[in-house]
């Protein structure tokens, strides 16, 4: 018998929340995000859902792409709703 494993985020950062808001406000999809950052769609989804921070080079590109809406430093700051 297999146990169901919960994949909920252990730590949702302020940056992952900001990223979700940025995607919604600009009408971009996670697929668009993945293509522009040259990462897999699964990895982009993980960043949005808060399953872990990106490496510093991806976080830097993300900050530039969002024009500062998603800041590099915010990947270590907990989201307000926690």
PDB file of N, CA and C in Angstrom:
ATOM      1  N   UNK A   1       0.834  -1.175   0.000  1.00  0.00           N
ATOM      2  CA  UNK A   1       0.000   0.000   0.000  1.00  0.00           C
ATOM      3  C   UNK A   1       0.881   1.241   0.000  1.00  0.00           C
ATOM      4  N   UNK A   2       0.602   2.167  -0.900  1.00  0.00           N
ATOM      5  CA  UNK A   2       1.398   3.393  -1.025  1.00  0.00           C
ATOM      6  C   UNK A   2       0.803   4.498  -0.168  1.00  0.00           C
ATOM      7  N   UNK A   3       1.685   5.239   0.463  1.00  0.00           N
ATOM      8  CA  UNK A   3       1.249   6.398   1.222  1.00  0.00           C
ATOM      9  C   UNK A   3       1.182   7.603   0.299  1.00  0.00           C
ATOM     10  N   UNK A   4       0.198   8.447   0.517  1.00  0.00           N
ATOM     11  CA  UNK A   4       0.097   9.695  -0.229  1.00  0.00           C
ATOM     12  C   UNK A   4       1.098  10.673   0.369  1.00  0.00           C
ATOM     13  N   UNK A   5       1.911  11.251  -0.463  1.00  0.00           N
ATOM     14  CA  UNK A   5       2.923  12.197  -0.002  1.00  0.00           C
ATOM     15  C   UNK A   5       2.417  13.610  -0.264  1.00  0.00           C
ATOM     16  N   UNK A   6       2.408  14.417   0.766  1.00  0.00           N
ATOM     17  CA  UNK A   6       2.007  15.810   0.614  1.00  0.00           C
ATOM     18  C   UNK A   6       3.159  16.594   0.013  1.00  0.00           C
ATOM     19  N   UNK A   7       2.884  17.318  -1.077  1.00  0.00           N
ATOM     20  CA  UNK A   7       3.930  18.091  -1.732  1.00  0.00           C
ATOM     21  C   UNK A   7       3.772  19.582  -1.473  1.00  0.00           C
ATOM     22  N   UNK A   8       3.087  19.934  -0.413  1.00  0.00           N
ATOM     23  CA  UNK A   8       2.894  21.346  -0.107  1.00  0.00           C
ATOM     24  C   UNK A   8       4.211  22.023   0.234  1.00  0.00           C
ATOM     25  N   UNK A   9       4.305  23.313  -0.042  1.00  0.00           N
ATOM     26  CA  UNK A   9       5.554  24.027   0.234  1.00  0.00           C
ATOM     27  C   UNK A   9       5.814  24.113   1.733  1.00  0.00           C
ATOM     28  N   UNK A  10       7.045  23.911   2.101  1.00  0.00           N
ATOM     29  CA  UNK A  10       7.435  24.045   3.500  1.00  0.00           C
ATOM     30  C   UNK A  10       7.702  25.514   3.811  1.00  0.00           C
ATOM     31  N   UNK A  11       8.075  26.267   2.799  1.00  0.00           N
ATOM     32  CA  UNK A  11       8.422  27.669   2.993  1.00  0.00           C
ATOM     33  C   UNK A  11       8.053  28.430   1.725  1.00  0.00           C
ATOM     34  N   UNK A  12       7.000  29.197   1.783  1.00  0.00           N
ATOM     35  CA  UNK A  12       6.603  29.998   0.623  1.00  0.00           C
ATOM     36  C   UNK A  12       7.189  31.383   0.816  1.00  0.00           C
ATOM     37  N   UNK A  13       8.053  31.767  -0.104  1.00  0.00           N
ATOM     38  CA  UNK A  13       8.744  33.051   0.026  1.00  0.00           C
ATOM     39  C   UNK A  13       7.895  34.184  -0.534  1.00  0.00           C
ATOM     40  N   UNK A  14       8.274  35.398  -0.127  1.00  0.00           N
ATOM     41  CA  UNK A  14       7.616  36.585  -0.661  1.00  0.00           C
ATOM     42  C   UNK A  14       7.809  36.661  -2.170  1.00  0.00           C
ATOM     43  N   UNK A  15       8.937  36.168  -2.667  1.00  0.00           N
ATOM     44  CA  UNK A  15       9.212  36.211  -4.105  1.00  0.00           C
ATOM     45  C   UNK A  15       8.292  35.278  -4.881  1.00  0.00           C
ATOM     46  N   UNK A  16       7.980  34.099  -4.345  1.00  0.00           N
ATOM     47  CA  UNK A  16       7.092  33.194  -5.072  1.00  0.00           C
ATOM     48  C   UNK A  16       5.682  33.775  -5.150  1.00  0.00           C
ATOM     49  N   UNK A  17       5.241  34.461  -4.099  1.00  0.00           N
ATOM     50  CA  UNK A  17       3.943  35.133  -4.119  1.00  0.00           C
ATOM     51  C   UNK A  17       3.974  36.280  -5.127  1.00  0.00           C
ATOM     52  N   UNK A  18       5.053  37.063  -5.109  1.00  0.00           N
ATOM     53  CA  UNK A  18       5.189  38.170  -6.057  1.00  0.00           C
ATOM     54  C   UNK A  18       5.233  37.667  -7.498  1.00  0.00           C
ATOM     55  N   UNK A  19       5.879  36.532  -7.702  1.00  0.00           N
ATOM     56  CA  UNK A  19       5.958  35.952  -9.041  1.00  0.00           C
ATOM     57  C   UNK A  19       4.568  35.542  -9.534  1.00  0.00           C
ATOM     58  N   UNK A  20       3.785  34.914  -8.673  1.00  0.00           N
ATOM     59  CA  UNK A  20       2.424  34.521  -9.043  1.00  0.00           C
ATOM     60  C   UNK A  20       1.588  35.754  -9.386  1.00  0.00           C
ATOM     61  N   UNK A  21       1.720  36.808  -8.603  1.00  0.00           N
ATOM     62  CA  UNK A  21       0.991  38.048  -8.878  1.00  0.00           C
ATOM     63  C   UNK A  21       1.454  38.688 -10.187  1.00  0.00           C
ATOM     64  N   UNK A  22       2.751  38.671 -10.429  1.00  0.00           N
ATOM     65  CA  UNK A  22       3.296  39.254 -11.657  1.00  0.00           C
ATOM     66  C   UNK A  22       2.771  38.505 -12.885  1.00  0.00           C
ATOM     67  N   UNK A  23       2.781  37.185 -12.821  1.00  0.00           N
ATOM     68  CA  UNK A  23       2.264  36.388 -13.939  1.00  0.00           C
ATOM     69  C   UNK A  23       0.799  36.727 -14.199  1.00  0.00           C
ATOM     70  N   UNK A  24      -0.001  36.813 -13.136  1.00  0.00           N
ATOM     71  CA  UNK A  24      -1.428  37.110 -13.291  1.00  0.00           C
ATOM     72  C   UNK A  24      -1.654  38.513 -13.847  1.00  0.00           C
ATOM     73  N   UNK A  25      -0.895  39.468 -13.367  1.00  0.00           N
ATOM     74  CA  UNK A  25      -1.106  40.858 -13.798  1.00  0.00           C
ATOM     75  C   UNK A  25      -0.625  41.126 -15.220  1.00  0.00           C
ATOM     76  N   UNK A  26       0.344  40.358 -15.680  1.00  0.00           N
ATOM     77  CA  UNK A  26       0.857  40.556 -17.037  1.00  0.00           C
ATOM     78  C   UNK A  26       0.212  39.617 -18.048  1.00  0.00           C
ATOM     79  N   UNK A  27      -0.560  38.655 -17.557  1.00  0.00           N
ATOM     80  CA  UNK A  27      -1.210  37.703 -18.459  1.00  0.00           C
ATOM     81  C   UNK A  27      -0.263  36.653 -19.019  1.00  0.00           C
ATOM     82  N   UNK A  28       0.879  36.505 -18.399  1.00  0.00           N
ATOM     83  CA  UNK A  28       1.857  35.512 -18.854  1.00  0.00           C
ATOM     84  C   UNK A  28       1.592  34.174 -18.168  1.00  0.00           C
ATOM     85  N   UNK A  29       1.979  33.100 -18.820  1.00  0.00           N
ATOM     86  CA  UNK A  29       1.798  31.764 -18.255  1.00  0.00           C
ATOM     87  C   UNK A  29       3.119  31.267 -17.675  1.00  0.00           C
ATOM     88  N   UNK A  30       3.039  30.168 -16.950  1.00  0.00           N
ATOM     89  CA  UNK A  30       4.258  29.548 -16.445  1.00  0.00           C
ATOM     90  C   UNK A  30       5.099  29.026 -17.599  1.00  0.00           C
ATOM     91  N   UNK A  31       4.469  28.627 -18.683  1.00  0.00           N
ATOM     92  CA  UNK A  31       5.199  28.202 -19.879  1.00  0.00           C
ATOM     93  C   UNK A  31       5.989  29.355 -20.481  1.00  0.00           C
ATOM     94  N   UNK A  32       5.366  30.557 -20.536  1.00  0.00           N
ATOM     95  CA  UNK A  32       6.075  31.749 -21.016  1.00  0.00           C
ATOM     96  C   UNK A  32       7.288  32.031 -20.132  1.00  0.00           C
ATOM     97  N   UNK A  33       7.071  31.931 -18.834  1.00  0.00           N
ATOM     98  CA  UNK A  33       8.152  32.158 -17.870  1.00  0.00           C
ATOM     99  C   UNK A  33       9.291  31.174 -18.108  1.00  0.00           C
ATOM    100  N   UNK A  34       8.957  29.913 -18.277  1.00  0.00           N
ATOM    101  CA  UNK A  34       9.973  28.877 -18.496  1.00  0.00           C
ATOM    102  C   UNK A  34      10.766  29.141 -19.768  1.00  0.00           C
ATOM    103  N   UNK A  35      10.076  29.496 -20.837  1.00  0.00           N
ATOM    104  CA  UNK A  35      10.777  29.769 -22.106  1.00  0.00           C
ATOM    105  C   UNK A  35      11.722  30.962 -21.981  1.00  0.00           C
ATOM    106  N   UNK A  36      11.254  32.023 -21.341  1.00  0.00           N
ATOM    107  CA  UNK A  36      12.085  33.227 -21.225  1.00  0.00           C
ATOM    108  C   UNK A  36      13.287  33.022 -20.311  1.00  0.00           C
ATOM    109  N   UNK A  37      13.148  32.143 -19.328  1.00  0.00           N
ATOM    110  CA  UNK A  37      14.260  31.873 -18.409  1.00  0.00           C
ATOM    111  C   UNK A  37      15.096  30.674 -18.842  1.00  0.00           C
ATOM    112  N   UNK A  38      14.650  29.982 -19.886  1.00  0.00           N
ATOM    113  CA  UNK A  38      15.326  28.780 -20.384  1.00  0.00           C
ATOM    114  C   UNK A  38      15.417  27.708 -19.303  1.00  0.00           C
ATOM    115  N   UNK A  39      14.267  27.446 -18.680  1.00  0.00           N
ATOM    116  CA  UNK A  39      14.153  26.398 -17.675  1.00  0.00           C
ATOM    117  C   UNK A  39      12.940  25.544 -18.036  1.00  0.00           C
ATOM    118  N   UNK A  40      12.770  24.418 -17.361  1.00  0.00           N
ATOM    119  CA  UNK A  40      11.620  23.559 -17.644  1.00  0.00           C
ATOM    120  C   UNK A  40      10.344  24.183 -17.062  1.00  0.00           C
ATOM    121  N   UNK A  41       9.199  23.791 -17.625  1.00  0.00           N
ATOM    122  CA  UNK A  41       7.919  24.272 -17.102  1.00  0.00           C
ATOM    123  C   UNK A  41       7.711  23.789 -15.669  1.00  0.00           C
ATOM    124  N   UNK A  42       8.165  22.589 -15.380  1.00  0.00           N
ATOM    125  CA  UNK A  42       8.036  22.053 -14.015  1.00  0.00           C
ATOM    126  C   UNK A  42       8.810  22.911 -13.019  1.00  0.00           C
ATOM    127  N   UNK A  43      10.012  23.305 -13.402  1.00  0.00           N
ATOM    128  CA  UNK A  43      10.827  24.144 -12.509  1.00  0.00           C
ATOM    129  C   UNK A  43      10.155  25.501 -12.299  1.00  0.00           C
ATOM    130  N   UNK A  44       9.619  26.083 -13.376  1.00  0.00           N
ATOM    131  CA  UNK A  44       8.914  27.369 -13.256  1.00  0.00           C
ATOM    132  C   UNK A  44       7.718  27.227 -12.321  1.00  0.00           C
ATOM    133  N   UNK A  45       6.977  26.130 -12.470  1.00  0.00           N
ATOM    134  CA  UNK A  45       5.837  25.871 -11.609  1.00  0.00           C
ATOM    135  C   UNK A  45       6.267  25.747 -10.149  1.00  0.00           C
ATOM    136  N   UNK A  46       7.357  25.070  -9.911  1.00  0.00           N
ATOM    137  CA  UNK A  46       7.871  24.918  -8.544  1.00  0.00           C
ATOM    138  C   UNK A  46       8.211  26.259  -7.919  1.00  0.00           C
ATOM    139  N   UNK A  47       8.796  27.164  -8.690  1.00  0.00           N
ATOM    140  CA  UNK A  47       9.124  28.493  -8.163  1.00  0.00           C
ATOM    141  C   UNK A  47       7.856  29.249  -7.788  1.00  0.00           C
ATOM    142  N   UNK A  48       6.841  29.178  -8.649  1.00  0.00           N
ATOM    143  CA  UNK A  48       5.589  29.884  -8.392  1.00  0.00           C
ATOM    144  C   UNK A  48       4.884  29.300  -7.169  1.00  0.00           C
ATOM    145  N   UNK A  49       4.920  27.996  -7.015  1.00  0.00           N
ATOM    146  CA  UNK A  49       4.221  27.336  -5.908  1.00  0.00           C
ATOM    147  C   UNK A  49       5.028  27.339  -4.621  1.00  0.00           C
ATOM    148  N   UNK A  50       6.259  27.777  -4.666  1.00  0.00           N
ATOM    149  CA  UNK A  50       7.064  27.906  -3.452  1.00  0.00           C
ATOM    150  C   UNK A  50       7.786  26.646  -3.035  1.00  0.00           C
ATOM    151  N   UNK A  51       8.096  25.765  -3.980  1.00  0.00           N
ATOM    152  CA  UNK A  51       8.794  24.525  -3.646  1.00  0.00           C
ATOM    153  C   UNK A  51      10.298  24.690  -3.548  1.00  0.00           C
ATOM    154  N   UNK A  52      10.782  25.883  -3.647  1.00  0.00           N
ATOM    155  CA  UNK A  52      12.211  26.119  -3.485  1.00  0.00           C
ATOM    156  C   UNK A  52      12.649  27.321  -4.288  1.00  0.00           C
ATOM    157  N   UNK A  53      13.727  27.948  -3.857  1.00  0.00           N
ATOM    158  CA  UNK A  53      14.216  29.130  -4.573  1.00  0.00           C
ATOM    159  C   UNK A  53      15.038  28.730  -5.802  1.00  0.00           C
ATOM    160  N   UNK A  54      15.087  29.609  -6.796  1.00  0.00           N
ATOM    161  CA  UNK A  54      15.937  29.344  -7.956  1.00  0.00           C
ATOM    162  C   UNK A  54      17.397  29.588  -7.612  1.00  0.00           C
ATOM    163  N   UNK A  55      18.276  29.070  -8.452  1.00  0.00           N
ATOM    164  CA  UNK A  55      19.699  29.383  -8.298  1.00  0.00           C
ATOM    165  C   UNK A  55      19.878  30.871  -8.550  1.00  0.00           C
ATOM    166  N   UNK A  56      20.979  31.411  -8.077  1.00  0.00           N
ATOM    167  CA  UNK A  56      21.164  32.869  -8.131  1.00  0.00           C
ATOM    168  C   UNK A  56      21.146  33.424  -9.553  1.00  0.00           C
ATOM    169  N   UNK A  57      21.676  32.679 -10.541  1.00  0.00           N
ATOM    170  CA  UNK A  57      21.663  33.205 -11.907  1.00  0.00           C
ATOM    171  C   UNK A  57      20.239  33.287 -12.458  1.00  0.00           C
ATOM    172  N   UNK A  58      19.406  32.303 -12.141  1.00  0.00           N
ATOM    173  CA  UNK A  58      18.013  32.332 -12.592  1.00  0.00           C
ATOM    174  C   UNK A  58      17.248  33.424 -11.846  1.00  0.00           C
ATOM    175  N   UNK A  59      17.495  33.565 -10.553  1.00  0.00           N
ATOM    176  CA  UNK A  59      16.832  34.601  -9.764  1.00  0.00           C
ATOM    177  C   UNK A  59      17.201  35.994 -10.275  1.00  0.00           C
ATOM    178  N   UNK A  60      18.439  36.181 -10.678  1.00  0.00           N
ATOM    179  CA  UNK A  60      18.875  37.462 -11.225  1.00  0.00           C
ATOM    180  C   UNK A  60      18.179  37.752 -12.546  1.00  0.00           C
ATOM    181  N   UNK A  61      18.095  36.737 -13.425  1.00  0.00           N
ATOM    182  CA  UNK A  61      17.389  36.922 -14.705  1.00  0.00           C
ATOM    183  C   UNK A  61      15.904  37.200 -14.474  1.00  0.00           C
ATOM    184  N   UNK A  62      15.335  36.546 -13.472  1.00  0.00           N
ATOM    185  CA  UNK A  62      13.931  36.740 -13.141  1.00  0.00           C
ATOM    186  C   UNK A  62      13.682  38.167 -12.647  1.00  0.00           C
ATOM    187  N   UNK A  63      14.582  38.669 -11.839  1.00  0.00           N
ATOM    188  CA  UNK A  63      14.461  40.049 -11.345  1.00  0.00           C
ATOM    189  C   UNK A  63      14.505  41.037 -12.502  1.00  0.00           C
ATOM    190  N   UNK A  64      15.413  40.814 -13.443  1.00  0.00           N
ATOM    191  CA  UNK A  64      15.504  41.698 -14.611  1.00  0.00           C
ATOM    192  C   UNK A  64      14.262  41.588 -15.488  1.00  0.00           C
ATOM    193  N   UNK A  65      13.789  40.356 -15.697  1.00  0.00           N
ATOM    194  CA  UNK A  65      12.638  40.128 -16.560  1.00  0.00           C
ATOM    195  C   UNK A  65      11.384  40.792 -15.996  1.00  0.00           C
ATOM    196  N   UNK A  66      11.220  40.767 -14.671  1.00  0.00           N
ATOM    197  CA  UNK A  66      10.029  41.340 -14.045  1.00  0.00           C
ATOM    198  C   UNK A  66      10.229  42.810 -13.679  1.00  0.00           C
ATOM    199  N   UNK A  67      11.354  43.364 -14.043  1.00  0.00           N
ATOM    200  CA  UNK A  67      11.694  44.765 -13.758  1.00  0.00           C
ATOM    201  C   UNK A  67      11.598  45.076 -12.272  1.00  0.00           C
ATOM    202  N   UNK A  68      12.080  44.130 -11.464  1.00  0.00           N
ATOM    203  CA  UNK A  68      12.160  44.332 -10.023  1.00  0.00           C
ATOM    204  C   UNK A  68      10.929  43.910  -9.240  1.00  0.00           C
ATOM    205  N   UNK A  69       9.883  43.443  -9.907  1.00  0.00           N
ATOM    206  CA  UNK A  69       8.687  42.998  -9.179  1.00  0.00           C
ATOM    207  C   UNK A  69       8.998  41.764  -8.332  1.00  0.00           C
ATOM    208  N   UNK A  70       9.896  40.929  -8.805  1.00  0.00           N
ATOM    209  CA  UNK A  70      10.347  39.750  -8.065  1.00  0.00           C
ATOM    210  C   UNK A  70      11.833  39.955  -7.799  1.00  0.00           C
ATOM    211  N   UNK A  71      12.152  40.279  -6.550  1.00  0.00           N
ATOM    212  CA  UNK A  71      13.535  40.616  -6.217  1.00  0.00           C
ATOM    213  C   UNK A  71      14.327  39.404  -5.755  1.00  0.00           C
ATOM    214  N   UNK A  72      15.590  39.414  -6.073  1.00  0.00           N
ATOM    215  CA  UNK A  72      16.502  38.338  -5.694  1.00  0.00           C
ATOM    216  C   UNK A  72      16.493  38.112  -4.181  1.00  0.00           C
ATOM    217  N   UNK A  73      16.537  39.174  -3.403  1.00  0.00           N
ATOM    218  CA  UNK A  73      16.606  39.072  -1.942  1.00  0.00           C
ATOM    219  C   UNK A  73      15.334  38.488  -1.336  1.00  0.00           C
ATOM    220  N   UNK A  74      14.198  38.601  -2.017  1.00  0.00           N
ATOM    221  CA  UNK A  74      12.924  38.162  -1.453  1.00  0.00           C
ATOM    222  C   UNK A  74      12.729  36.649  -1.462  1.00  0.00           C
ATOM    223  N   UNK A  75      13.630  35.910  -2.074  1.00  0.00           N
ATOM    224  CA  UNK A  75      13.495  34.451  -2.055  1.00  0.00           C
ATOM    225  C   UNK A  75      13.751  33.891  -0.665  1.00  0.00           C
ATOM    226  N   UNK A  76      14.343  34.659   0.232  1.00  0.00           N
ATOM    227  CA  UNK A  76      14.610  34.210   1.594  1.00  0.00           C
ATOM    228  C   UNK A  76      13.639  34.797   2.612  1.00  0.00           C
ATOM    229  N   UNK A  77      12.724  35.656   2.160  1.00  0.00           N
ATOM    230  CA  UNK A  77      11.773  36.319   3.062  1.00  0.00           C
ATOM    231  C   UNK A  77      10.457  35.555   3.023  1.00  0.00           C
ATOM    232  N   UNK A  78       9.907  35.174   4.198  1.00  0.00           N
ATOM    233  CA  UNK A  78       8.642  34.440   4.189  1.00  0.00           C
ATOM    234  C   UNK A  78       7.492  35.300   3.688  1.00  0.00           C
ATOM    235  N   UNK A  79       6.530  34.656   3.049  1.00  0.00           N
ATOM    236  CA  UNK A  79       5.347  35.362   2.567  1.00  0.00           C
ATOM    237  C   UNK A  79       4.527  35.837   3.747  1.00  0.00           C
ATOM    238  N   UNK A  80       3.800  36.903   3.566  1.00  0.00           N
ATOM    239  CA  UNK A  80       3.018  37.515   4.631  1.00  0.00           C
ATOM    240  C   UNK A  80       1.906  36.593   5.108  1.00  0.00           C
ATOM    241  N   UNK A  81       1.354  35.778   4.214  1.00  0.00           N
ATOM    242  CA  UNK A  81       0.205  34.933   4.567  1.00  0.00           C
ATOM    243  C   UNK A  81       0.571  33.708   5.385  1.00  0.00           C
ATOM    244  N   UNK A  82       1.809  33.556   5.811  1.00  0.00           N
ATOM    245  CA  UNK A  82       2.197  32.375   6.604  1.00  0.00           C
ATOM    246  C   UNK A  82       2.056  32.628   8.076  1.00  0.00           C
TER     247      UNK A  82
END
